[in-house]
mmCIF file of all heavy atoms, coordinates in Angstrom:
data_MODEL
# 
_entry.id   MODEL 
# 
loop_
_atom_site.group_PDB 
_atom_site.id 
_atom_site.type_symbol 
_atom_site.label_atom_id 
_atom_site.label_alt_id 
_atom_site.label_comp_id 
_atom_site.label_asym_id 
_atom_site.label_entity_id 
_atom_site.label_seq_id 
_atom_site.pdbx_PDB_ins_code 
_atom_site.Cartn_x 
_atom_site.Cartn_y 
_atom_site.Cartn_z 
_atom_site.occupancy 
_atom_site.B_iso_or_equiv 
_atom_site.pdbx_formal_charge 
_atom_site.auth_seq_id 
_atom_site.auth_comp_id 
_atom_site.auth_asym_id 
_atom_site.auth_atom_id 
_atom_site.pdbx_PDB_model_num 
ATOM 1   N N   . ALA A 1 1  ? 135.729 242.175 -78.912 1.00 0.00 ? 1  ALA A N   1 
ATOM 2   C CA  . ALA A 1 1  ? 135.234 241.831 -80.294 1.00 0.00 ? 1  ALA A CA  1 
ATOM 3   C C   . ALA A 1 1  ? 134.816 243.092 -80.855 1.00 0.00 ? 1  ALA A C   1 
ATOM 4   O O   . ALA A 1 1  ? 134.145 243.886 -80.239 1.00 0.00 ? 1  ALA A O   1 
ATOM 5   C CB  . ALA A 1 1  ? 134.148 240.757 -80.263 1.00 0.00 ? 1  ALA A CB  1 
ATOM 6   N N   . GLU A 1 2  ? 135.179 243.322 -82.125 1.00 0.00 ? 2  GLU A N   1 
ATOM 7   C CA  . GLU A 1 2  ? 134.728 244.601 -82.672 1.00 0.00 ? 2  GLU A CA  1 
ATOM 8   C C   . GLU A 1 2  ? 134.539 244.297 -84.278 1.00 0.00 ? 2  GLU A C   1 
ATOM 9   O O   . GLU A 1 2  ? 135.131 243.458 -84.770 1.00 0.00 ? 2  GLU A O   1 
ATOM 10  C CB  . GLU A 1 2  ? 135.718 245.688 -82.592 1.00 0.00 ? 2  GLU A CB  1 
ATOM 11  C CG  . GLU A 1 2  ? 137.190 245.433 -83.094 1.00 0.00 ? 2  GLU A CG  1 
ATOM 12  C CD  . GLU A 1 2  ? 138.100 246.648 -82.932 1.00 0.00 ? 2  GLU A CD  1 
ATOM 13  O OE1 . GLU A 1 2  ? 137.878 247.463 -81.961 1.00 0.00 ? 2  GLU A OE1 1 
ATOM 14  O OE2 . GLU A 1 2  ? 139.052 246.763 -83.606 1.00 0.00 ? 2  GLU A OE2 1 
ATOM 15  N N   . GLN A 1 3  ? 133.560 245.035 -84.758 1.00 0.00 ? 3  GLN A N   1 
ATOM 16  C CA  . GLN A 1 3  ? 133.237 244.882 -86.109 1.00 0.00 ? 3  GLN A CA  1 
ATOM 17  C C   . GLN A 1 3  ? 132.527 246.231 -86.682 1.00 0.00 ? 3  GLN A C   1 
ATOM 18  O O   . GLN A 1 3  ? 131.908 246.865 -86.136 1.00 0.00 ? 3  GLN A O   1 
ATOM 19  C CB  . GLN A 1 3  ? 132.152 243.793 -86.290 1.00 0.00 ? 3  GLN A CB  1 
ATOM 20  C CG  . GLN A 1 3  ? 131.847 243.384 -87.728 1.00 0.00 ? 3  GLN A CG  1 
ATOM 21  C CD  . GLN A 1 3  ? 130.914 242.182 -87.822 1.00 0.00 ? 3  GLN A CD  1 
ATOM 22  O OE1 . GLN A 1 3  ? 130.302 241.747 -86.771 1.00 0.00 ? 3  GLN A OE1 1 
ATOM 23  N NE2 . GLN A 1 3  ? 130.764 241.624 -88.925 1.00 0.00 ? 3  GLN A NE2 1 
ATOM 24  N N   . CYS A 1 4  ? 133.048 246.493 -87.978 1.00 0.00 ? 4  CYS A N   1 
ATOM 25  C CA  . CYS A 1 4  ? 132.468 247.543 -88.771 1.00 0.00 ? 4  CYS A CA  1 
ATOM 26  C C   . CYS A 1 4  ? 131.511 246.844 -89.752 1.00 0.00 ? 4  CYS A C   1 
ATOM 27  O O   . CYS A 1 4  ? 131.807 245.743 -90.190 1.00 0.00 ? 4  CYS A O   1 
ATOM 28  C CB  . CYS A 1 4  ? 133.547 248.300 -89.462 1.00 0.00 ? 4  CYS A CB  1 
ATOM 29  S SG  . CYS A 1 4  ? 134.603 249.327 -88.467 1.00 0.00 ? 4  CYS A SG  1 
ATOM 30  N N   . ARG A 1 5  ? 130.506 247.578 -90.128 1.00 0.00 ? 5  ARG A N   1 
ATOM 31  C CA  . ARG A 1 5  ? 129.511 247.047 -91.121 1.00 0.00 ? 5  ARG A CA  1 
ATOM 32  C C   . ARG A 1 5  ? 130.283 246.826 -92.410 1.00 0.00 ? 5  ARG A C   1 
ATOM 33  O O   . ARG A 1 5  ? 131.029 247.695 -92.859 1.00 0.00 ? 5  ARG A O   1 
ATOM 34  C CB  . ARG A 1 5  ? 128.335 248.049 -91.262 1.00 0.00 ? 5  ARG A CB  1 
ATOM 35  C CG  . ARG A 1 5  ? 127.343 247.421 -92.154 1.00 0.00 ? 5  ARG A CG  1 
ATOM 36  C CD  . ARG A 1 5  ? 126.053 248.289 -92.053 1.00 0.00 ? 5  ARG A CD  1 
ATOM 37  N NE  . ARG A 1 5  ? 125.386 248.228 -90.761 1.00 0.00 ? 5  ARG A NE  1 
ATOM 38  C CZ  . ARG A 1 5  ? 124.665 247.207 -90.258 1.00 0.00 ? 5  ARG A CZ  1 
ATOM 39  N NH1 . ARG A 1 5  ? 124.450 246.109 -91.054 1.00 0.00 ? 5  ARG A NH1 1 
ATOM 40  N NH2 . ARG A 1 5  ? 124.181 247.227 -89.142 1.00 0.00 ? 5  ARG A NH2 1 
ATOM 41  N N   . ASN A 1 6  ? 130.088 245.645 -93.048 1.00 0.00 ? 6  ASN A N   1 
ATOM 42  C CA  . ASN A 1 6  ? 130.820 245.228 -94.204 1.00 0.00 ? 6  ASN A CA  1 
ATOM 43  C C   . ASN A 1 6  ? 132.314 245.073 -94.035 1.00 0.00 ? 6  ASN A C   1 
ATOM 44  O O   . ASN A 1 6  ? 133.014 244.907 -94.936 1.00 0.00 ? 6  ASN A O   1 
ATOM 45  C CB  . ASN A 1 6  ? 130.639 246.252 -95.391 1.00 0.00 ? 6  ASN A CB  1 
ATOM 46  C CG  . ASN A 1 6  ? 129.126 246.494 -95.614 1.00 0.00 ? 6  ASN A CG  1 
ATOM 47  O OD1 . ASN A 1 6  ? 128.340 245.597 -95.670 1.00 0.00 ? 6  ASN A OD1 1 
ATOM 48  N ND2 . ASN A 1 6  ? 128.850 247.703 -95.934 1.00 0.00 ? 6  ASN A ND2 1 
ATOM 49  N N   . GLY A 1 7  ? 132.680 244.986 -92.768 1.00 0.00 ? 7  GLY A N   1 
ATOM 50  C CA  . GLY A 1 7  ? 134.059 244.679 -92.439 1.00 0.00 ? 7  GLY A CA  1 
ATOM 51  C C   . GLY A 1 7  ? 134.225 243.364 -91.582 1.00 0.00 ? 7  GLY A C   1 
ATOM 52  O O   . GLY A 1 7  ? 133.228 242.775 -91.177 1.00 0.00 ? 7  GLY A O   1 
ATOM 53  N N   . PRO A 1 8  ? 135.477 242.927 -91.365 1.00 0.00 ? 8  PRO A N   1 
ATOM 54  C CA  . PRO A 1 8  ? 135.668 241.627 -90.690 1.00 0.00 ? 8  PRO A CA  1 
ATOM 55  C C   . PRO A 1 8  ? 135.360 241.733 -89.241 1.00 0.00 ? 8  PRO A C   1 
ATOM 56  O O   . PRO A 1 8  ? 135.526 242.923 -88.604 1.00 0.00 ? 8  PRO A O   1 
ATOM 57  C CB  . PRO A 1 8  ? 137.105 241.318 -90.948 1.00 0.00 ? 8  PRO A CB  1 
ATOM 58  C CG  . PRO A 1 8  ? 137.693 242.643 -91.168 1.00 0.00 ? 8  PRO A CG  1 
ATOM 59  C CD  . PRO A 1 8  ? 136.775 243.555 -91.875 1.00 0.00 ? 8  PRO A CD  1 
ATOM 60  N N   . LEU A 1 9  ? 135.056 240.717 -88.555 1.00 0.00 ? 9  LEU A N   1 
ATOM 61  C CA  . LEU A 1 9  ? 134.891 240.662 -87.133 1.00 0.00 ? 9  LEU A CA  1 
ATOM 62  C C   . LEU A 1 9  ? 136.328 240.215 -86.633 1.00 0.00 ? 9  LEU A C   1 
ATOM 63  O O   . LEU A 1 9  ? 136.969 239.317 -86.943 1.00 0.00 ? 9  LEU A O   1 
ATOM 64  C CB  . LEU A 1 9  ? 133.924 239.445 -86.690 1.00 0.00 ? 9  LEU A CB  1 
ATOM 65  C CG  . LEU A 1 9  ? 133.765 239.264 -85.206 1.00 0.00 ? 9  LEU A CG  1 
ATOM 66  C CD1 . LEU A 1 9  ? 133.194 240.517 -84.503 1.00 0.00 ? 9  LEU A CD1 1 
ATOM 67  C CD2 . LEU A 1 9  ? 132.856 237.977 -84.957 1.00 0.00 ? 9  LEU A CD2 1 
ATOM 68  N N   . VAL A 1 10 ? 136.772 241.071 -85.689 1.00 0.00 ? 10 VAL A N   1 
ATOM 69  C CA  . VAL A 1 10 ? 138.174 240.971 -85.145 1.00 0.00 ? 10 VAL A CA  1 
ATOM 70  C C   . VAL A 1 10 ? 137.975 240.608 -83.617 1.00 0.00 ? 10 VAL A C   1 
ATOM 71  O O   . VAL A 1 10 ? 137.279 241.291 -82.911 1.00 0.00 ? 10 VAL A O   1 
ATOM 72  C CB  . VAL A 1 10 ? 138.958 242.150 -85.309 1.00 0.00 ? 10 VAL A CB  1 
ATOM 73  C CG1 . VAL A 1 10 ? 140.409 242.034 -84.767 1.00 0.00 ? 10 VAL A CG1 1 
ATOM 74  C CG2 . VAL A 1 10 ? 139.009 242.579 -86.839 1.00 0.00 ? 10 VAL A CG2 1 
ATOM 75  N N   . VAL A 1 11 ? 138.743 239.680 -83.137 1.00 0.00 ? 11 VAL A N   1 
ATOM 76  C CA  . VAL A 1 11 ? 138.646 239.166 -81.782 1.00 0.00 ? 11 VAL A CA  1 
ATOM 77  C C   . VAL A 1 11 ? 140.015 239.259 -81.172 1.00 0.00 ? 11 VAL A C   1 
ATOM 78  O O   . VAL A 1 11 ? 141.059 238.893 -81.699 1.00 0.00 ? 11 VAL A O   1 
ATOM 79  C CB  . VAL A 1 11 ? 138.111 237.703 -81.708 1.00 0.00 ? 11 VAL A CB  1 
ATOM 80  C CG1 . VAL A 1 11 ? 138.096 237.318 -80.233 1.00 0.00 ? 11 VAL A CG1 1 
ATOM 81  C CG2 . VAL A 1 11 ? 136.770 237.669 -82.297 1.00 0.00 ? 11 VAL A CG2 1 
ATOM 82  N N   . PHE A 1 12 ? 139.925 239.944 -79.951 1.00 0.00 ? 12 PHE A N   1 
ATOM 83  C CA  . PHE A 1 12 ? 141.167 240.030 -79.105 1.00 0.00 ? 12 PHE A CA  1 
ATOM 84  C C   . PHE A 1 12 ? 140.890 239.229 -77.732 1.00 0.00 ? 12 PHE A C   1 
ATOM 85  O O   . PHE A 1 12 ? 139.772 239.166 -77.378 1.00 0.00 ? 12 PHE A O   1 
ATOM 86  C CB  . PHE A 1 12 ? 141.513 241.477 -78.718 1.00 0.00 ? 12 PHE A CB  1 
ATOM 87  C CG  . PHE A 1 12 ? 141.844 242.358 -79.954 1.00 0.00 ? 12 PHE A CG  1 
ATOM 88  C CD1 . PHE A 1 12 ? 140.719 243.021 -80.547 1.00 0.00 ? 12 PHE A CD1 1 
ATOM 89  C CD2 . PHE A 1 12 ? 143.058 242.547 -80.417 1.00 0.00 ? 12 PHE A CD2 1 
ATOM 90  C CE1 . PHE A 1 12 ? 140.861 243.904 -81.685 1.00 0.00 ? 12 PHE A CE1 1 
ATOM 91  C CE2 . PHE A 1 12 ? 143.284 243.369 -81.480 1.00 0.00 ? 12 PHE A CE2 1 
ATOM 92  C CZ  . PHE A 1 12 ? 142.176 244.050 -82.095 1.00 0.00 ? 12 PHE A CZ  1 
ATOM 93  N N   . ALA A 1 13 ? 141.977 238.822 -77.151 1.00 0.00 ? 13 ALA A N   1 
ATOM 94  C CA  . ALA A 1 13 ? 141.747 238.211 -75.856 1.00 0.00 ? 13 ALA A CA  1 
ATOM 95  C C   . ALA A 1 13 ? 143.002 238.521 -74.949 1.00 0.00 ? 13 ALA A C   1 
ATOM 96  O O   . ALA A 1 13 ? 143.974 239.038 -75.434 1.00 0.00 ? 13 ALA A O   1 
ATOM 97  C CB  . ALA A 1 13 ? 141.672 236.647 -75.864 1.00 0.00 ? 13 ALA A CB  1 
ATOM 98  N N   . GLY A 1 14 ? 142.845 238.284 -73.600 1.00 0.00 ? 14 GLY A N   1 
ATOM 99  C CA  . GLY A 1 14 ? 144.056 238.617 -72.792 1.00 0.00 ? 14 GLY A CA  1 
ATOM 100 C C   . GLY A 1 14 ? 143.779 238.293 -71.408 1.00 0.00 ? 14 GLY A C   1 
ATOM 101 O O   . GLY A 1 14 ? 142.799 237.692 -70.890 1.00 0.00 ? 14 GLY A O   1 
ATOM 102 N N   . ILE A 1 15 ? 144.805 238.612 -70.624 1.00 0.00 ? 15 ILE A N   1 
ATOM 103 C CA  . ILE A 1 15 ? 144.795 238.497 -69.208 1.00 0.00 ? 15 ILE A CA  1 
ATOM 104 C C   . ILE A 1 15 ? 145.470 239.747 -68.594 1.00 0.00 ? 15 ILE A C   1 
ATOM 105 O O   . ILE A 1 15 ? 146.436 240.287 -69.080 1.00 0.00 ? 15 ILE A O   1 
ATOM 106 C CB  . ILE A 1 15 ? 145.592 237.189 -68.767 1.00 0.00 ? 15 ILE A CB  1 
ATOM 107 C CG1 . ILE A 1 15 ? 145.481 237.006 -67.164 1.00 0.00 ? 15 ILE A CG1 1 
ATOM 108 C CG2 . ILE A 1 15 ? 147.040 237.195 -69.084 1.00 0.00 ? 15 ILE A CG2 1 
ATOM 109 C CD1 . ILE A 1 15 ? 145.966 235.625 -66.797 1.00 0.00 ? 15 ILE A CD1 1 
ATOM 110 N N   . LYS A 1 16 ? 144.895 240.206 -67.473 1.00 0.00 ? 16 LYS A N   1 
ATOM 111 C CA  . LYS A 1 16 ? 145.425 241.381 -66.758 1.00 0.00 ? 16 LYS A CA  1 
ATOM 112 C C   . LYS A 1 16 ? 145.407 241.131 -65.236 1.00 0.00 ? 16 LYS A C   1 
ATOM 113 O O   . LYS A 1 16 ? 144.843 240.247 -64.740 1.00 0.00 ? 16 LYS A O   1 
ATOM 114 C CB  . LYS A 1 16 ? 144.521 242.577 -67.114 1.00 0.00 ? 16 LYS A CB  1 
ATOM 115 C CG  . LYS A 1 16 ? 143.029 242.529 -66.580 1.00 0.00 ? 16 LYS A CG  1 
ATOM 116 C CD  . LYS A 1 16 ? 142.322 243.829 -66.849 1.00 0.00 ? 16 LYS A CD  1 
ATOM 117 C CE  . LYS A 1 16 ? 141.012 243.836 -66.202 1.00 0.00 ? 16 LYS A CE  1 
ATOM 118 N NZ  . LYS A 1 16 ? 140.285 245.173 -66.373 1.00 0.00 ? 16 LYS A NZ  1 
ATOM 119 N N   . ASP A 1 17 ? 146.042 242.074 -64.568 1.00 0.00 ? 17 ASP A N   1 
ATOM 120 C CA  . ASP A 1 17 ? 146.199 242.063 -63.119 1.00 0.00 ? 17 ASP A CA  1 
ATOM 121 C C   . ASP A 1 17 ? 146.798 240.733 -62.726 1.00 0.00 ? 17 ASP A C   1 
ATOM 122 O O   . ASP A 1 17 ? 146.463 240.270 -61.636 1.00 0.00 ? 17 ASP A O   1 
ATOM 123 C CB  . ASP A 1 17 ? 144.795 242.215 -62.537 1.00 0.00 ? 17 ASP A CB  1 
ATOM 124 C CG  . ASP A 1 17 ? 144.122 243.619 -62.830 1.00 0.00 ? 17 ASP A CG  1 
ATOM 125 O OD1 . ASP A 1 17 ? 144.793 244.438 -63.228 1.00 0.00 ? 17 ASP A OD1 1 
ATOM 126 O OD2 . ASP A 1 17 ? 142.895 243.715 -62.594 1.00 0.00 ? 17 ASP A OD2 1 
ATOM 127 N N   . LEU A 1 18 ? 147.761 240.276 -63.424 1.00 0.00 ? 18 LEU A N   1 
ATOM 128 C CA  . LEU A 1 18 ? 148.470 239.034 -63.094 1.00 0.00 ? 18 LEU A CA  1 
ATOM 129 C C   . LEU A 1 18 ? 149.792 239.490 -62.367 1.00 0.00 ? 18 LEU A C   1 
ATOM 130 O O   . LEU A 1 18 ? 150.641 240.022 -63.117 1.00 0.00 ? 18 LEU A O   1 
ATOM 131 C CB  . LEU A 1 18 ? 148.704 238.223 -64.289 1.00 0.00 ? 18 LEU A CB  1 
ATOM 132 C CG  . LEU A 1 18 ? 149.523 236.862 -64.109 1.00 0.00 ? 18 LEU A CG  1 
ATOM 133 C CD1 . LEU A 1 18 ? 148.734 235.981 -63.288 1.00 0.00 ? 18 LEU A CD1 1 
ATOM 134 C CD2 . LEU A 1 18 ? 149.800 236.180 -65.453 1.00 0.00 ? 18 LEU A CD2 1 
ATOM 135 N N   . LYS A 1 19 ? 149.796 239.250 -61.047 1.00 0.00 ? 19 LYS A N   1 
ATOM 136 C CA  . LYS A 1 19 ? 150.997 239.675 -60.250 1.00 0.00 ? 19 LYS A CA  1 
ATOM 137 C C   . LYS A 1 19 ? 152.060 238.569 -60.137 1.00 0.00 ? 19 LYS A C   1 
ATOM 138 O O   . LYS A 1 19 ? 151.678 237.433 -59.778 1.00 0.00 ? 19 LYS A O   1 
ATOM 139 C CB  . LYS A 1 19 ? 150.530 240.102 -58.919 1.00 0.00 ? 19 LYS A CB  1 
ATOM 140 C CG  . LYS A 1 19 ? 149.697 241.325 -58.942 1.00 0.00 ? 19 LYS A CG  1 
ATOM 141 C CD  . LYS A 1 19 ? 149.329 241.899 -57.598 1.00 0.00 ? 19 LYS A CD  1 
ATOM 142 C CE  . LYS A 1 19 ? 148.503 243.257 -57.634 1.00 0.00 ? 19 LYS A CE  1 
ATOM 143 N NZ  . LYS A 1 19 ? 148.251 243.715 -56.332 1.00 0.00 ? 19 LYS A NZ  1 
ATOM 144 N N   . LEU A 1 20 ? 153.244 238.855 -60.708 1.00 0.00 ? 20 LEU A N   1 
ATOM 145 C CA  . LEU A 1 20 ? 154.268 237.766 -60.641 1.00 0.00 ? 20 LEU A CA  1 
ATOM 146 C C   . LEU A 1 20 ? 155.486 238.261 -59.943 1.00 0.00 ? 20 LEU A C   1 
ATOM 147 O O   . LEU A 1 20 ? 155.817 239.490 -59.952 1.00 0.00 ? 20 LEU A O   1 
ATOM 148 C CB  . LEU A 1 20 ? 154.608 237.471 -62.153 1.00 0.00 ? 20 LEU A CB  1 
ATOM 149 C CG  . LEU A 1 20 ? 153.550 236.967 -63.022 1.00 0.00 ? 20 LEU A CG  1 
ATOM 150 C CD1 . LEU A 1 20 ? 153.895 236.931 -64.542 1.00 0.00 ? 20 LEU A CD1 1 
ATOM 151 C CD2 . LEU A 1 20 ? 153.027 235.645 -62.641 1.00 0.00 ? 20 LEU A CD2 1 
ATOM 152 N N   . MET A 1 21 ? 156.200 237.351 -59.351 1.00 0.00 ? 21 MET A N   1 
ATOM 153 C CA  . MET A 1 21 ? 157.558 237.587 -58.747 1.00 0.00 ? 21 MET A CA  1 
ATOM 154 C C   . MET A 1 21 ? 158.444 236.478 -58.736 1.00 0.00 ? 21 MET A C   1 
ATOM 155 O O   . MET A 1 21 ? 158.080 235.302 -58.698 1.00 0.00 ? 21 MET A O   1 
ATOM 156 C CB  . MET A 1 21 ? 157.216 238.013 -57.267 1.00 0.00 ? 21 MET A CB  1 
ATOM 157 C CG  . MET A 1 21 ? 158.560 238.136 -56.522 1.00 0.00 ? 21 MET A CG  1 
ATOM 158 S SD  . MET A 1 21 ? 158.286 238.215 -54.586 1.00 0.00 ? 21 MET A SD  1 
ATOM 159 C CE  . MET A 1 21 ? 157.384 239.830 -54.557 1.00 0.00 ? 21 MET A CE  1 
ATOM 160 N N   . LYS A 1 22 ? 159.758 236.753 -59.002 1.00 0.00 ? 22 LYS A N   1 
ATOM 161 C CA  . LYS A 1 22 ? 160.715 235.769 -58.684 1.00 0.00 ? 22 LYS A CA  1 
ATOM 162 C C   . LYS A 1 22 ? 161.849 236.473 -57.891 1.00 0.00 ? 22 LYS A C   1 
ATOM 163 O O   . LYS A 1 22 ? 162.150 237.564 -58.155 1.00 0.00 ? 22 LYS A O   1 
ATOM 164 C CB  . LYS A 1 22 ? 161.330 235.127 -59.956 1.00 0.00 ? 22 LYS A CB  1 
ATOM 165 C CG  . LYS A 1 22 ? 161.932 235.973 -61.011 1.00 0.00 ? 22 LYS A CG  1 
ATOM 166 C CD  . LYS A 1 22 ? 162.371 235.086 -62.212 1.00 0.00 ? 22 LYS A CD  1 
ATOM 167 C CE  . LYS A 1 22 ? 163.140 235.880 -63.197 1.00 0.00 ? 22 LYS A CE  1 
ATOM 168 N NZ  . LYS A 1 22 ? 163.564 235.020 -64.336 1.00 0.00 ? 22 LYS A NZ  1 
ATOM 169 N N   . THR A 1 23 ? 162.347 235.731 -56.947 1.00 0.00 ? 23 THR A N   1 
ATOM 170 C CA  . THR A 1 23 ? 163.335 236.377 -55.996 1.00 0.00 ? 23 THR A CA  1 
ATOM 171 C C   . THR A 1 23 ? 164.765 236.412 -56.268 1.00 0.00 ? 23 THR A C   1 
ATOM 172 O O   . THR A 1 23 ? 165.572 236.915 -55.577 1.00 0.00 ? 23 THR A O   1 
ATOM 173 C CB  . THR A 1 23 ? 163.064 235.723 -54.550 1.00 0.00 ? 23 THR A CB  1 
ATOM 174 O OG1 . THR A 1 23 ? 163.235 234.312 -54.775 1.00 0.00 ? 23 THR A OG1 1 
ATOM 175 C CG2 . THR A 1 23 ? 161.636 235.980 -54.082 1.00 0.00 ? 23 THR A CG2 1 
ATOM 176 N N   . THR A 1 24 ? 165.170 235.695 -57.368 1.00 0.00 ? 24 THR A N   1 
ATOM 177 C CA  . THR A 1 24 ? 166.490 235.717 -57.815 1.00 0.00 ? 24 THR A CA  1 
ATOM 178 C C   . THR A 1 24 ? 166.473 235.534 -59.352 1.00 0.00 ? 24 THR A C   1 
ATOM 179 O O   . THR A 1 24 ? 165.418 235.534 -59.958 1.00 0.00 ? 24 THR A O   1 
ATOM 180 C CB  . THR A 1 24 ? 167.278 234.675 -57.083 1.00 0.00 ? 24 THR A CB  1 
ATOM 181 O OG1 . THR A 1 24 ? 168.795 234.888 -57.468 1.00 0.00 ? 24 THR A OG1 1 
ATOM 182 C CG2 . THR A 1 24 ? 166.936 233.160 -57.390 1.00 0.00 ? 24 THR A CG2 1 
ATOM 183 N N   . GLN A 1 25 ? 167.608 235.240 -59.941 1.00 0.00 ? 25 GLN A N   1 
ATOM 184 C CA  . GLN A 1 25 ? 167.796 234.989 -61.331 1.00 0.00 ? 25 GLN A CA  1 
ATOM 185 C C   . GLN A 1 25 ? 167.278 236.195 -62.146 1.00 0.00 ? 25 GLN A C   1 
ATOM 186 O O   . GLN A 1 25 ? 166.615 236.093 -63.157 1.00 0.00 ? 25 GLN A O   1 
ATOM 187 C CB  . GLN A 1 25 ? 166.994 233.815 -61.827 1.00 0.00 ? 25 GLN A CB  1 
ATOM 188 C CG  . GLN A 1 25 ? 167.755 232.454 -61.354 1.00 0.00 ? 25 GLN A CG  1 
ATOM 189 C CD  . GLN A 1 25 ? 169.020 232.159 -62.303 1.00 0.00 ? 25 GLN A CD  1 
ATOM 190 O OE1 . GLN A 1 25 ? 169.894 232.901 -62.344 1.00 0.00 ? 25 GLN A OE1 1 
ATOM 191 N NE2 . GLN A 1 25 ? 168.943 231.026 -63.012 1.00 0.00 ? 25 GLN A NE2 1 
ATOM 192 N N   . SER A 1 26 ? 167.589 237.377 -61.654 1.00 0.00 ? 26 SER A N   1 
ATOM 193 C CA  . SER A 1 26 ? 167.244 238.603 -62.275 1.00 0.00 ? 26 SER A CA  1 
ATOM 194 C C   . SER A 1 26 ? 168.205 239.692 -61.987 1.00 0.00 ? 26 SER A C   1 
ATOM 195 O O   . SER A 1 26 ? 168.801 239.712 -60.835 1.00 0.00 ? 26 SER A O   1 
ATOM 196 C CB  . SER A 1 26 ? 165.846 239.157 -61.970 1.00 0.00 ? 26 SER A CB  1 
ATOM 197 O OG  . SER A 1 26 ? 165.646 240.376 -62.391 1.00 0.00 ? 26 SER A OG  1 
ATOM 198 N N   . GLY A 1 27 ? 168.656 240.471 -62.950 1.00 0.00 ? 27 GLY A N   1 
ATOM 199 C CA  . GLY A 1 27 ? 169.634 241.484 -62.712 1.00 0.00 ? 27 GLY A CA  1 
ATOM 200 C C   . GLY A 1 27 ? 169.389 242.693 -63.690 1.00 0.00 ? 27 GLY A C   1 
ATOM 201 O O   . GLY A 1 27 ? 168.462 242.627 -64.624 1.00 0.00 ? 27 GLY A O   1 
# 
């Protein structure tokens, strides 16, 4: 969350370190 005085409050969200694998259907 970040805000400047007299400015809007802006919110970000997310996910990290998510390890994914599929063993076929990729090329």
